[in-house]
Amino acid sequence: MTDGHRPAGRLALHPDTRGVTLDGRTVRLSRKEFQILALLVAEPDTVHTAAELARRVWNFLLPPGGEPAIDVEVARIRAKLGHPPFLHSVHGEGHRLVSSALYAAETAHAEGADPE
């Protein structure tokens, strides 16, 4: 696809415009939020620590105690996406995109059912 469109179930990322669509609804994310979500989509089901996200997304070494800054970014993503069932925070470990929840929600959405 010429615009770099990367679908993941009901979620689609558009890297050229840093746009995101969820169930056909456009969601506006900041550059940092988009970069975090893009990494989680690229490596689903992998728990990424805050330090790893900072290093891999921004080539930045997170100082000790800096994890809340990443947690805030992920919380903003979750809120903007409407608290989707596929974006998880793993207490004491990090964050991940759960592919089975993403695709299960896609199937339920297509069938008109509630994914929860």
PDB file of N, CA and C in Angstrom:
ATOM      1  N   MET A   1       0.832  -1.168   0.000  1.00  0.00           N
ATOM      2  CA  MET A   1       0.000   0.000   0.000  1.00  0.00           C
ATOM      3  C   MET A   1       0.881   1.237   0.000  1.00  0.00           C
ATOM      4  N   THR A   2       0.553   2.183  -0.782  1.00  0.00           N
ATOM      5  CA  THR A   2       1.451   3.303  -0.995  1.00  0.00           C
ATOM      6  C   THR A   2       1.526   4.278   0.172  1.00  0.00           C
ATOM      7  N   ASP A   3       0.501   4.350   1.021  1.00  0.00           N
ATOM      8  CA  ASP A   3       0.551   5.315   2.120  1.00  0.00           C
ATOM      9  C   ASP A   3       1.147   4.735   3.393  1.00  0.00           C
ATOM     10  N   GLY A   4       1.649   3.498   3.346  1.00  0.00           N
ATOM     11  CA  GLY A   4       2.235   2.882   4.521  1.00  0.00           C
ATOM     12  C   GLY A   4       1.198   2.364   5.500  1.00  0.00           C
ATOM     13  N   HIS A   5      -0.048   2.296   5.088  1.00  0.00           N
ATOM     14  CA  HIS A   5      -1.171   1.838   5.909  1.00  0.00           C
ATOM     15  C   HIS A   5      -0.837   0.453   6.468  1.00  0.00           C
ATOM     16  N   ARG A   6      -0.920   0.302   7.804  1.00  0.00           N
ATOM     17  CA  ARG A   6      -0.648  -0.981   8.446  1.00  0.00           C
ATOM     18  C   ARG A   6      -1.849  -1.396   9.264  1.00  0.00           C
ATOM     19  N   PRO A   7      -2.679  -2.306   8.713  1.00  0.00           N
ATOM     20  CA  PRO A   7      -3.852  -2.735   9.482  1.00  0.00           C
ATOM     21  C   PRO A   7      -3.487  -3.766  10.540  1.00  0.00           C
ATOM     22  N   ALA A   8      -4.198  -3.745  11.640  1.00  0.00           N
ATOM     23  CA  ALA A   8      -4.062  -4.751  12.691  1.00  0.00           C
ATOM     24  C   ALA A   8      -5.468  -4.974  13.238  1.00  0.00           C
ATOM     25  N   GLY A   9      -6.214  -5.849  12.590  1.00  0.00           N
ATOM     26  CA  GLY A   9      -7.590  -6.058  13.012  1.00  0.00           C
ATOM     27  C   GLY A   9      -8.403  -4.808  12.761  1.00  0.00           C
ATOM     28  N   ARG A  10      -9.109  -4.347  13.776  1.00  0.00           N
ATOM     29  CA  ARG A  10      -9.936  -3.143  13.652  1.00  0.00           C
ATOM     30  C   ARG A  10      -9.112  -1.868  13.692  1.00  0.00           C
ATOM     31  N   LEU A  11      -7.845  -1.984  14.004  1.00  0.00           N
ATOM     32  CA  LEU A  11      -6.959  -0.841  14.167  1.00  0.00           C
ATOM     33  C   LEU A  11      -6.080  -0.703  12.936  1.00  0.00           C
ATOM     34  N   ALA A  12      -5.957   0.511  12.402  1.00  0.00           N
ATOM     35  CA  ALA A  12      -5.073   0.745  11.265  1.00  0.00           C
ATOM     36  C   ALA A  12      -4.199   1.958  11.551  1.00  0.00           C
ATOM     37  N   LEU A  13      -2.901   1.796  11.316  1.00  0.00           N
ATOM     38  CA  LEU A  13      -1.953   2.888  11.484  1.00  0.00           C
ATOM     39  C   LEU A  13      -1.546   3.402  10.118  1.00  0.00           C
ATOM     40  N   HIS A  14      -1.436   4.704  10.015  1.00  0.00           N
ATOM     41  CA  HIS A  14      -1.036   5.361   8.775  1.00  0.00           C
ATOM     42  C   HIS A  14       0.242   6.151   9.056  1.00  0.00           C
ATOM     43  N   PRO A  15       1.410   5.508   8.932  1.00  0.00           N
ATOM     44  CA  PRO A  15       2.677   6.151   9.313  1.00  0.00           C
ATOM     45  C   PRO A  15       2.979   7.451   8.575  1.00  0.00           C
ATOM     46  N   ASP A  16       2.574   7.554   7.322  1.00  0.00           N
ATOM     47  CA  ASP A  16       2.873   8.767   6.566  1.00  0.00           C
ATOM     48  C   ASP A  16       2.209  10.001   7.162  1.00  0.00           C
ATOM     49  N   THR A  17       1.059   9.821   7.774  1.00  0.00           N
ATOM     50  CA  THR A  17       0.325  10.953   8.349  1.00  0.00           C
ATOM     51  C   THR A  17       0.247  10.881   9.867  1.00  0.00           C
ATOM     52  N   ARG A  18       0.808   9.823  10.443  1.00  0.00           N
ATOM     53  CA  ARG A  18       0.695   9.537  11.881  1.00  0.00           C
ATOM     54  C   ARG A  18      -0.769   9.448  12.297  1.00  0.00           C
ATOM     55  N   GLY A  19      -1.600   9.000  11.359  1.00  0.00           N
ATOM     56  CA  GLY A  19      -3.015   8.833  11.641  1.00  0.00           C
ATOM     57  C   GLY A  19      -3.310   7.430  12.119  1.00  0.00           C
ATOM     58  N   VAL A  20      -4.382   7.305  12.868  1.00  0.00           N
ATOM     59  CA  VAL A  20      -4.836   6.015  13.376  1.00  0.00           C
ATOM     60  C   VAL A  20      -6.338   5.954  13.158  1.00  0.00           C
ATOM     61  N   THR A  21      -6.815   4.802  12.691  1.00  0.00           N
ATOM     62  CA  THR A  21      -8.256   4.593  12.640  1.00  0.00           C
ATOM     63  C   THR A  21      -8.584   3.348  13.451  1.00  0.00           C
ATOM     64  N   LEU A  22      -9.683   3.423  14.164  1.00  0.00           N
ATOM     65  CA  LEU A  22     -10.184   2.306  14.949  1.00  0.00           C
ATOM     66  C   LEU A  22     -11.655   2.178  14.623  1.00  0.00           C
ATOM     67  N   ASP A  23     -12.037   1.049  14.054  1.00  0.00           N
ATOM     68  CA  ASP A  23     -13.419   0.826  13.623  1.00  0.00           C
ATOM     69  C   ASP A  23     -13.892   1.942  12.685  1.00  0.00           C
ATOM     70  N   GLY A  24     -12.987   2.414  11.837  1.00  0.00           N
ATOM     71  CA  GLY A  24     -13.315   3.448  10.869  1.00  0.00           C
ATOM     72  C   GLY A  24     -13.314   4.857  11.424  1.00  0.00           C
ATOM     73  N   ARG A  25     -13.073   5.002  12.715  1.00  0.00           N
ATOM     74  CA  ARG A  25     -13.045   6.314  13.376  1.00  0.00           C
ATOM     75  C   ARG A  25     -11.604   6.805  13.443  1.00  0.00           C
ATOM     76  N   THR A  26     -11.375   8.038  12.997  1.00  0.00           N
ATOM     77  CA  THR A  26     -10.041   8.622  13.043  1.00  0.00           C
ATOM     78  C   THR A  26      -9.720   9.057  14.461  1.00  0.00           C
ATOM     79  N   VAL A  27      -8.522   8.691  14.907  1.00  0.00           N
ATOM     80  CA  VAL A  27      -8.067   9.051  16.246  1.00  0.00           C
ATOM     81  C   VAL A  27      -6.776   9.853  16.093  1.00  0.00           C
ATOM     82  N   ARG A  28      -6.728  10.994  16.732  1.00  0.00           N
ATOM     83  CA  ARG A  28      -5.547  11.846  16.661  1.00  0.00           C
ATOM     84  C   ARG A  28      -4.622  11.520  17.818  1.00  0.00           C
ATOM     85  N   LEU A  29      -3.384  11.184  17.493  1.00  0.00           N
ATOM     86  CA  LEU A  29      -2.364  10.906  18.504  1.00  0.00           C
ATOM     87  C   LEU A  29      -1.206  11.871  18.324  1.00  0.00           C
ATOM     88  N   SER A  30      -0.509  12.149  19.401  1.00  0.00           N
ATOM     89  CA  SER A  30       0.715  12.941  19.305  1.00  0.00           C
ATOM     90  C   SER A  30       1.789  12.079  18.640  1.00  0.00           C
ATOM     91  N   ARG A  31       2.882  12.694  18.276  1.00  0.00           N
ATOM     92  CA  ARG A  31       3.990  11.957  17.661  1.00  0.00           C
ATOM     93  C   ARG A  31       4.479  10.849  18.594  1.00  0.00           C
ATOM     94  N   LYS A  32       4.670  11.173  19.870  1.00  0.00           N
ATOM     95  CA  LYS A  32       5.145  10.175  20.840  1.00  0.00           C
ATOM     96  C   LYS A  32       4.137   9.036  21.001  1.00  0.00           C
ATOM     97  N   GLU A  33       2.877   9.386  21.113  1.00  0.00           N
ATOM     98  CA  GLU A  33       1.844   8.358  21.262  1.00  0.00           C
ATOM     99  C   GLU A  33       1.816   7.447  20.044  1.00  0.00           C
ATOM    100  N   PHE A  34       1.889   8.029  18.863  1.00  0.00           N
ATOM    101  CA  PHE A  34       1.869   7.229  17.641  1.00  0.00           C
ATOM    102  C   PHE A  34       3.063   6.285  17.596  1.00  0.00           C
ATOM    103  N   GLN A  35       4.236   6.779  17.956  1.00  0.00           N
ATOM    104  CA  GLN A  35       5.440   5.947  17.914  1.00  0.00           C
ATOM    105  C   GLN A  35       5.344   4.768  18.876  1.00  0.00           C
ATOM    106  N   ILE A  36       4.804   4.998  20.053  1.00  0.00           N
ATOM    107  CA  ILE A  36       4.625   3.897  21.012  1.00  0.00           C
ATOM    108  C   ILE A  36       3.635   2.880  20.454  1.00  0.00           C
ATOM    109  N   LEU A  37       2.495   3.352  19.974  1.00  0.00           N
ATOM    110  CA  LEU A  37       1.482   2.437  19.445  1.00  0.00           C
ATOM    111  C   LEU A  37       2.023   1.660  18.248  1.00  0.00           C
ATOM    112  N   ALA A  38       2.781   2.301  17.388  1.00  0.00           N
ATOM    113  CA  ALA A  38       3.350   1.618  16.219  1.00  0.00           C
ATOM    114  C   ALA A  38       4.266   0.476  16.644  1.00  0.00           C
ATOM    115  N   LEU A  39       5.067   0.678  17.685  1.00  0.00           N
ATOM    116  CA  LEU A  39       5.935  -0.393  18.169  1.00  0.00           C
ATOM    117  C   LEU A  39       5.104  -1.531  18.761  1.00  0.00           C
ATOM    118  N   LEU A  40       4.089  -1.203  19.527  1.00  0.00           N
ATOM    119  CA  LEU A  40       3.244  -2.248  20.112  1.00  0.00           C
ATOM    120  C   LEU A  40       2.522  -3.049  19.027  1.00  0.00           C
ATOM    121  N   VAL A  41       2.083  -2.372  17.966  1.00  0.00           N
ATOM    122  CA  VAL A  41       1.422  -3.066  16.847  1.00  0.00           C
ATOM    123  C   VAL A  41       2.424  -3.932  16.092  1.00  0.00           C
ATOM    124  N   ALA A  42       3.642  -3.430  15.917  1.00  0.00           N
ATOM    125  CA  ALA A  42       4.666  -4.175  15.171  1.00  0.00           C
ATOM    126  C   ALA A  42       5.098  -5.438  15.903  1.00  0.00           C
ATOM    127  N   GLU A  43       4.994  -5.432  17.235  1.00  0.00           N
ATOM    128  CA  GLU A  43       5.421  -6.580  18.037  1.00  0.00           C
ATOM    129  C   GLU A  43       4.320  -6.950  19.028  1.00  0.00           C
ATOM    130  N   PRO A  44       3.198  -7.458  18.504  1.00  0.00           N
ATOM    131  CA  PRO A  44       2.076  -7.785  19.393  1.00  0.00           C
ATOM    132  C   PRO A  44       2.430  -8.913  20.351  1.00  0.00           C
ATOM    133  N   ASP A  45       1.758  -8.903  21.482  1.00  0.00           N
ATOM    134  CA  ASP A  45       1.886  -9.934  22.507  1.00  0.00           C
ATOM    135  C   ASP A  45       3.229  -9.915  23.231  1.00  0.00           C
ATOM    136  N   THR A  46       4.046  -8.921  22.962  1.00  0.00           N
ATOM    137  CA  THR A  46       5.329  -8.764  23.638  1.00  0.00           C
ATOM    138  C   THR A  46       5.184  -7.662  24.676  1.00  0.00           C
ATOM    139  N   VAL A  47       5.559  -7.957  25.913  1.00  0.00           N
ATOM    140  CA  VAL A  47       5.524  -6.935  26.960  1.00  0.00           C
ATOM    141  C   VAL A  47       6.780  -6.079  26.807  1.00  0.00           C
ATOM    142  N   HIS A  48       6.562  -4.777  26.681  1.00  0.00           N
ATOM    143  CA  HIS A  48       7.666  -3.824  26.542  1.00  0.00           C
ATOM    144  C   HIS A  48       7.745  -2.987  27.814  1.00  0.00           C
ATOM    145  N   THR A  49       8.910  -2.978  28.452  1.00  0.00           N
ATOM    146  CA  THR A  49       9.084  -2.147  29.637  1.00  0.00           C
ATOM    147  C   THR A  49       9.116  -0.681  29.218  1.00  0.00           C
ATOM    148  N   ALA A  50       8.908   0.194  30.195  1.00  0.00           N
ATOM    149  CA  ALA A  50       8.974   1.629  29.926  1.00  0.00           C
ATOM    150  C   ALA A  50      10.359   2.001  29.413  1.00  0.00           C
ATOM    151  N   ALA A  51      11.400   1.438  30.017  1.00  0.00           N
ATOM    152  CA  ALA A  51      12.769   1.734  29.588  1.00  0.00           C
ATOM    153  C   ALA A  51      12.998   1.284  28.146  1.00  0.00           C
ATOM    154  N   GLU A  52      12.467   0.127  27.802  1.00  0.00           N
ATOM    155  CA  GLU A  52      12.617  -0.377  26.436  1.00  0.00           C
ATOM    156  C   GLU A  52      11.868   0.502  25.440  1.00  0.00           C
ATOM    157  N   LEU A  53      10.658   0.908  25.789  1.00  0.00           N
ATOM    158  CA  LEU A  53       9.895   1.784  24.900  1.00  0.00           C
ATOM    159  C   LEU A  53      10.643   3.096  24.670  1.00  0.00           C
ATOM    160  N   ALA A  54      11.162   3.688  25.736  1.00  0.00           N
ATOM    161  CA  ALA A  54      11.912   4.947  25.596  1.00  0.00           C
ATOM    162  C   ALA A  54      13.141   4.749  24.714  1.00  0.00           C
ATOM    163  N   ARG A  55      13.854   3.656  24.924  1.00  0.00           N
ATOM    164  CA  ARG A  55      15.076   3.398  24.156  1.00  0.00           C
ATOM    165  C   ARG A  55      14.765   3.113  22.690  1.00  0.00           C
ATOM    166  N   ARG A  56      13.782   2.269  22.445  1.00  0.00           N
ATOM    167  CA  ARG A  56      13.500   1.850  21.065  1.00  0.00           C
ATOM    168  C   ARG A  56      12.720   2.883  20.273  1.00  0.00           C
ATOM    169  N   VAL A  57      11.857   3.616  20.931  1.00  0.00           N
ATOM    170  CA  VAL A  57      11.032   4.585  20.219  1.00  0.00           C
ATOM    171  C   VAL A  57      11.780   5.901  20.023  1.00  0.00           C
ATOM    172  N   TRP A  58      12.490   6.357  21.062  1.00  0.00           N
ATOM    173  CA  TRP A  58      13.121   7.676  20.989  1.00  0.00           C
ATOM    174  C   TRP A  58      14.633   7.639  21.129  1.00  0.00           C
ATOM    175  N   ASN A  59      15.220   6.422  21.227  1.00  0.00           N
ATOM    176  CA  ASN A  59      16.663   6.299  21.430  1.00  0.00           C
ATOM    177  C   ASN A  59      17.086   7.105  22.670  1.00  0.00           C
ATOM    178  N   PHE A  60      16.329   6.927  23.730  1.00  0.00           N
ATOM    179  CA  PHE A  60      16.491   7.702  24.950  1.00  0.00           C
ATOM    180  C   PHE A  60      16.629   6.740  26.124  1.00  0.00           C
ATOM    181  N   LEU A  61      17.643   6.961  26.963  1.00  0.00           N
ATOM    182  CA  LEU A  61      17.789   6.150  28.163  1.00  0.00           C
ATOM    183  C   LEU A  61      16.935   6.767  29.271  1.00  0.00           C
ATOM    184  N   LEU A  62      15.985   6.007  29.721  1.00  0.00           N
ATOM    185  CA  LEU A  62      15.063   6.464  30.753  1.00  0.00           C
ATOM    186  C   LEU A  62      15.795   6.507  32.093  1.00  0.00           C
ATOM    187  N   PRO A  63      15.779   7.645  32.771  1.00  0.00           N
ATOM    188  CA  PRO A  63      16.450   7.705  34.076  1.00  0.00           C
ATOM    189  C   PRO A  63      15.690   6.881  35.112  1.00  0.00           C
ATOM    190  N   PRO A  64      16.362   6.475  36.180  1.00  0.00           N
ATOM    191  CA  PRO A  64      15.656   5.747  37.243  1.00  0.00           C
ATOM    192  C   PRO A  64      14.451   6.549  37.721  1.00  0.00           C
ATOM    193  N   GLY A  65      13.318   5.882  37.852  1.00  0.00           N
ATOM    194  CA  GLY A  65      12.097   6.541  38.285  1.00  0.00           C
ATOM    195  C   GLY A  65      11.346   7.238  37.156  1.00  0.00           C
ATOM    196  N   GLY A  66      11.805   7.082  35.910  1.00  0.00           N
ATOM    197  CA  GLY A  66      11.177   7.755  34.781  1.00  0.00           C
ATOM    198  C   GLY A  66      10.021   7.003  34.154  1.00  0.00           C
ATOM    199  N   GLU A  67       9.710   5.821  34.670  1.00  0.00           N
ATOM    200  CA  GLU A  67       8.653   4.991  34.096  1.00  0.00           C
ATOM    201  C   GLU A  67       7.291   5.681  34.024  1.00  0.00           C
ATOM    202  N   PRO A  68       6.919   6.495  35.018  1.00  0.00           N
ATOM    203  CA  PRO A  68       5.601   7.137  34.934  1.00  0.00           C
ATOM    204  C   PRO A  68       5.406   7.992  33.678  1.00  0.00           C
ATOM    205  N   ALA A  69       6.464   8.552  33.142  1.00  0.00           N
ATOM    206  CA  ALA A  69       6.326   9.354  31.916  1.00  0.00           C
ATOM    207  C   ALA A  69       5.821   8.491  30.769  1.00  0.00           C
ATOM    208  N   ILE A  70       6.316   7.282  30.647  1.00  0.00           N
ATOM    209  CA  ILE A  70       5.864   6.362  29.597  1.00  0.00           C
ATOM    210  C   ILE A  70       4.456   5.873  29.920  1.00  0.00           C
ATOM    211  N   ASP A  71       4.205   5.583  31.186  1.00  0.00           N
ATOM    212  CA  ASP A  71       2.870   5.130  31.593  1.00  0.00           C
ATOM    213  C   ASP A  71       1.805   6.174  31.250  1.00  0.00           C
ATOM    214  N   VAL A  72       2.135   7.438  31.400  1.00  0.00           N
ATOM    215  CA  VAL A  72       1.204   8.517  31.063  1.00  0.00           C
ATOM    216  C   VAL A  72       0.926   8.519  29.563  1.00  0.00           C
ATOM    217  N   GLU A  73       1.968   8.343  28.744  1.00  0.00           N
ATOM    218  CA  GLU A  73       1.776   8.302  27.291  1.00  0.00           C
ATOM    219  C   GLU A  73       0.850   7.146  26.909  1.00  0.00           C
ATOM    220  N   VAL A  74       1.066   5.975  27.496  1.00  0.00           N
ATOM    221  CA  VAL A  74       0.234   4.807  27.194  1.00  0.00           C
ATOM    222  C   VAL A  74      -1.196   5.039  27.681  1.00  0.00           C
ATOM    223  N   ALA A  75      -1.351   5.662  28.833  1.00  0.00           N
ATOM    224  CA  ALA A  75      -2.698   5.958  29.338  1.00  0.00           C
ATOM    225  C   ALA A  75      -3.425   6.918  28.394  1.00  0.00           C
ATOM    226  N   ARG A  76      -2.707   7.869  27.816  1.00  0.00           N
ATOM    227  CA  ARG A  76      -3.320   8.789  26.849  1.00  0.00           C
ATOM    228  C   ARG A  76      -3.755   8.047  25.593  1.00  0.00           C
ATOM    229  N   ILE A  77      -2.910   7.126  25.125  1.00  0.00           N
ATOM    230  CA  ILE A  77      -3.272   6.322  23.948  1.00  0.00           C
ATOM    231  C   ILE A  77      -4.552   5.550  24.242  1.00  0.00           C
ATOM    232  N   ARG A  78      -4.567   4.887  25.391  1.00  0.00           N
ATOM    233  CA  ARG A  78      -5.723   4.071  25.778  1.00  0.00           C
ATOM    234  C   ARG A  78      -6.989   4.930  25.835  1.00  0.00           C
ATOM    235  N   ALA A  79      -6.896   6.104  26.436  1.00  0.00           N
ATOM    236  CA  ALA A  79      -8.063   6.988  26.548  1.00  0.00           C
ATOM    237  C   ALA A  79      -8.533   7.456  25.174  1.00  0.00           C
ATOM    238  N   LYS A  80      -7.610   7.834  24.313  1.00  0.00           N
ATOM    239  CA  LYS A  80      -7.985   8.318  22.988  1.00  0.00           C
ATOM    240  C   LYS A  80      -8.612   7.216  22.140  1.00  0.00           C
ATOM    241  N   LEU A  81      -8.193   5.972  22.371  1.00  0.00           N
ATOM    242  CA  LEU A  81      -8.758   4.847  21.624  1.00  0.00           C
ATOM    243  C   LEU A  81     -10.041   4.322  22.270  1.00  0.00           C
ATOM    244  N   GLY A  82     -10.446   4.909  23.390  1.00  0.00           N
ATOM    245  CA  GLY A  82     -11.684   4.478  24.041  1.00  0.00           C
ATOM    246  C   GLY A  82     -11.507   3.262  24.924  1.00  0.00           C
ATOM    247  N   HIS A  83     -10.356   3.123  25.536  1.00  0.00           N
ATOM    248  CA  HIS A  83     -10.031   2.016  26.446  1.00  0.00           C
ATOM    249  C   HIS A  83     -10.276   0.656  25.794  1.00  0.00           C
ATOM    250  N   PRO A  84      -9.566   0.382  24.696  1.00  0.00           N
ATOM    251  CA  PRO A  84      -9.786  -0.872  23.975  1.00  0.00           C
ATOM    252  C   PRO A  84      -9.311  -2.088  24.767  1.00  0.00           C
ATOM    253  N   PRO A  85      -9.935  -3.232  24.544  1.00  0.00           N
ATOM    254  CA  PRO A  85      -9.559  -4.437  25.278  1.00  0.00           C
ATOM    255  C   PRO A  85      -8.221  -5.031  24.841  1.00  0.00           C
ATOM    256  N   PHE A  86      -7.627  -4.517  23.782  1.00  0.00           N
ATOM    257  CA  PHE A  86      -6.389  -5.101  23.267  1.00  0.00           C
ATOM    258  C   PHE A  86      -5.122  -4.400  23.738  1.00  0.00           C
ATOM    259  N   LEU A  87      -5.232  -3.285  24.441  1.00  0.00           N
ATOM    260  CA  LEU A  87      -4.058  -2.558  24.922  1.00  0.00           C
ATOM    261  C   LEU A  87      -3.954  -2.757  26.426  1.00  0.00           C
ATOM    262  N   HIS A  88      -2.938  -3.516  26.842  1.00  0.00           N
ATOM    263  CA  HIS A  88      -2.813  -3.905  28.243  1.00  0.00           C
ATOM    264  C   HIS A  88      -1.561  -3.315  28.879  1.00  0.00           C
ATOM    265  N   SER A  89      -1.696  -2.980  30.149  1.00  0.00           N
ATOM    266  CA  SER A  89      -0.548  -2.665  30.989  1.00  0.00           C
ATOM    267  C   SER A  89      -0.370  -3.859  31.919  1.00  0.00           C
ATOM    268  N   VAL A  90       0.842  -4.366  31.991  1.00  0.00           N
ATOM    269  CA  VAL A  90       1.150  -5.514  32.843  1.00  0.00           C
ATOM    270  C   VAL A  90       1.840  -4.968  34.080  1.00  0.00           C
ATOM    271  N   HIS A  91       1.162  -5.031  35.215  1.00  0.00           N
ATOM    272  CA  HIS A  91       1.654  -4.422  36.451  1.00  0.00           C
ATOM    273  C   HIS A  91       3.093  -4.842  36.758  1.00  0.00           C
ATOM    274  N   GLY A  92       3.942  -3.859  36.955  1.00  0.00           N
ATOM    275  CA  GLY A  92       5.334  -4.116  37.311  1.00  0.00           C
ATOM    276  C   GLY A  92       6.211  -4.552  36.154  1.00  0.00           C
ATOM    277  N   GLU A  93       5.630  -4.678  34.950  1.00  0.00           N
ATOM    278  CA  GLU A  93       6.419  -5.152  33.818  1.00  0.00           C
ATOM    279  C   GLU A  93       6.439  -4.171  32.658  1.00  0.00           C
ATOM    280  N   GLY A  94       5.279  -3.789  32.143  1.00  0.00           N
ATOM    281  CA  GLY A  94       5.267  -2.900  30.990  1.00  0.00           C
ATOM    282  C   GLY A  94       3.924  -2.905  30.279  1.00  0.00           C
ATOM    283  N   HIS A  95       3.987  -2.760  28.964  1.00  0.00           N
ATOM    284  CA  HIS A  95       2.778  -2.603  28.156  1.00  0.00           C
ATOM    285  C   HIS A  95       2.849  -3.530  26.945  1.00  0.00           C
ATOM    286  N   ARG A  96       1.654  -3.944  26.468  1.00  0.00           N
ATOM    287  CA  ARG A  96       1.604  -4.800  25.283  1.00  0.00           C
ATOM    288  C   ARG A  96       0.271  -4.637  24.564  1.00  0.00           C
ATOM    289  N   LEU A  97       0.303  -4.980  23.302  1.00  0.00           N
ATOM    290  CA  LEU A  97      -0.907  -5.070  22.502  1.00  0.00           C
ATOM    291  C   LEU A  97      -1.217  -6.557  22.391  1.00  0.00           C
ATOM    292  N   VAL A  98      -2.401  -6.955  22.825  1.00  0.00           N
ATOM    293  CA  VAL A  98      -2.785  -8.368  22.841  1.00  0.00           C
ATOM    294  C   VAL A  98      -3.523  -8.682  21.546  1.00  0.00           C
ATOM    295  N   SER A  99      -2.849  -9.421  20.663  1.00  0.00           N
ATOM    296  CA  SER A  99      -3.415  -9.666  19.336  1.00  0.00           C
ATOM    297  C   SER A  99      -4.707 -10.468  19.394  1.00  0.00           C
ATOM    298  N   SER A 100      -4.814 -11.441  20.296  1.00  0.00           N
ATOM    299  CA  SER A 100      -6.045 -12.238  20.347  1.00  0.00           C
ATOM    300  C   SER A 100      -7.232 -11.360  20.725  1.00  0.00           C
ATOM    301  N   ALA A 101      -7.041 -10.395  21.614  1.00  0.00           N
ATOM    302  CA  ALA A 101      -8.124  -9.479  21.987  1.00  0.00           C
ATOM    303  C   ALA A 101      -8.450  -8.537  20.834  1.00  0.00           C
ATOM    304  N   LEU A 102      -7.434  -8.114  20.102  1.00  0.00           N
ATOM    305  CA  LEU A 102      -7.653  -7.221  18.966  1.00  0.00           C
ATOM    306  C   LEU A 102      -8.481  -7.922  17.900  1.00  0.00           C
ATOM    307  N   TYR A 103      -8.092  -9.151  17.550  1.00  0.00           N
ATOM    308  CA  TYR A 103      -8.814  -9.864  16.502  1.00  0.00           C
ATOM    309  C   TYR A 103     -10.139 -10.434  16.994  1.00  0.00           C
ATOM    310  N   ALA A 104     -10.239 -10.781  18.294  1.00  0.00           N
ATOM    311  CA  ALA A 104     -11.513 -11.231  18.840  1.00  0.00           C
ATOM    312  C   ALA A 104     -12.510 -10.075  18.805  1.00  0.00           C
ATOM    313  N   ALA A 105     -12.025  -8.891  19.130  1.00  0.00           N
ATOM    314  CA  ALA A 105     -12.888  -7.710  19.080  1.00  0.00           C
ATOM    315  C   ALA A 105     -13.301  -7.426  17.642  1.00  0.00           C
ATOM    316  N   GLU A 106     -12.400  -7.671  16.685  1.00  0.00           N
ATOM    317  CA  GLU A 106     -12.722  -7.461  15.271  1.00  0.00           C
ATOM    318  C   GLU A 106     -13.842  -8.408  14.845  1.00  0.00           C
ATOM    319  N   THR A 107     -13.756  -9.662  15.254  1.00  0.00           N
ATOM    320  CA  THR A 107     -14.757 -10.653  14.892  1.00  0.00           C
ATOM    321  C   THR A 107     -16.105 -10.297  15.513  1.00  0.00           C
ATOM    322  N   ALA A 108     -16.090  -9.945  16.798  1.00  0.00           N
ATOM    323  CA  ALA A 108     -17.335  -9.579  17.476  1.00  0.00           C
ATOM    324  C   ALA A 108     -17.926  -8.322  16.847  1.00  0.00           C
ATOM    325  N   HIS A 109     -17.069  -7.370  16.493  1.00  0.00           N
ATOM    326  CA  HIS A 109     -17.537  -6.130  15.866  1.00  0.00           C
ATOM    327  C   HIS A 109     -18.195  -6.441  14.522  1.00  0.00           C
ATOM    328  N   ALA A 110     -17.582  -7.305  13.744  1.00  0.00           N
ATOM    329  CA  ALA A 110     -18.120  -7.667  12.429  1.00  0.00           C
ATOM    330  C   ALA A 110     -19.458  -8.377  12.562  1.00  0.00           C
ATOM    331  N   GLU A 111     -19.620  -9.123  13.658  1.00  0.00           N
ATOM    332  CA  GLU A 111     -20.865  -9.864  13.877  1.00  0.00           C
ATOM    333  C   GLU A 111     -21.907  -9.027  14.623  1.00  0.00           C
ATOM    334  N   GLY A 112     -21.538  -7.792  15.002  1.00  0.00           N
ATOM    335  CA  GLY A 112     -22.463  -6.925  15.710  1.00  0.00           C
ATOM    336  C   GLY A 112     -22.603  -7.235  17.178  1.00  0.00           C
ATOM    337  N   ALA A 113     -21.677  -8.007  17.737  1.00  0.00           N
ATOM    338  CA  ALA A 113     -21.742  -8.377  19.151  1.00  0.00           C
ATOM    339  C   ALA A 113     -20.851  -7.474  19.994  1.00  0.00           C
ATOM    340  N   ASP A 114     -21.091  -7.478  21.272  1.00  0.00           N
ATOM    341  CA  ASP A 114     -20.238  -6.757  22.206  1.00  0.00           C
ATOM    342  C   ASP A 114     -18.988  -7.593  22.431  1.00  0.00           C
ATOM    343  N   PRO A 115     -17.743  -7.031  22.209  1.00  0.00           N
ATOM    344  CA  PRO A 115     -16.526  -7.823  22.338  1.00  0.00           C
ATOM    345  C   PRO A 115     -16.180  -8.191  23.754  1.00  0.00           C
ATOM    346  N   GLU A 116     -16.825  -7.644  24.753  1.00  0.00           N
ATOM    347  CA  GLU A 116     -16.469  -7.942  26.135  1.00  0.00           C
ATOM    348  C   GLU A 116     -17.223  -9.144  26.636  1.00  0.00           C
TER     349      GLU A 116
END
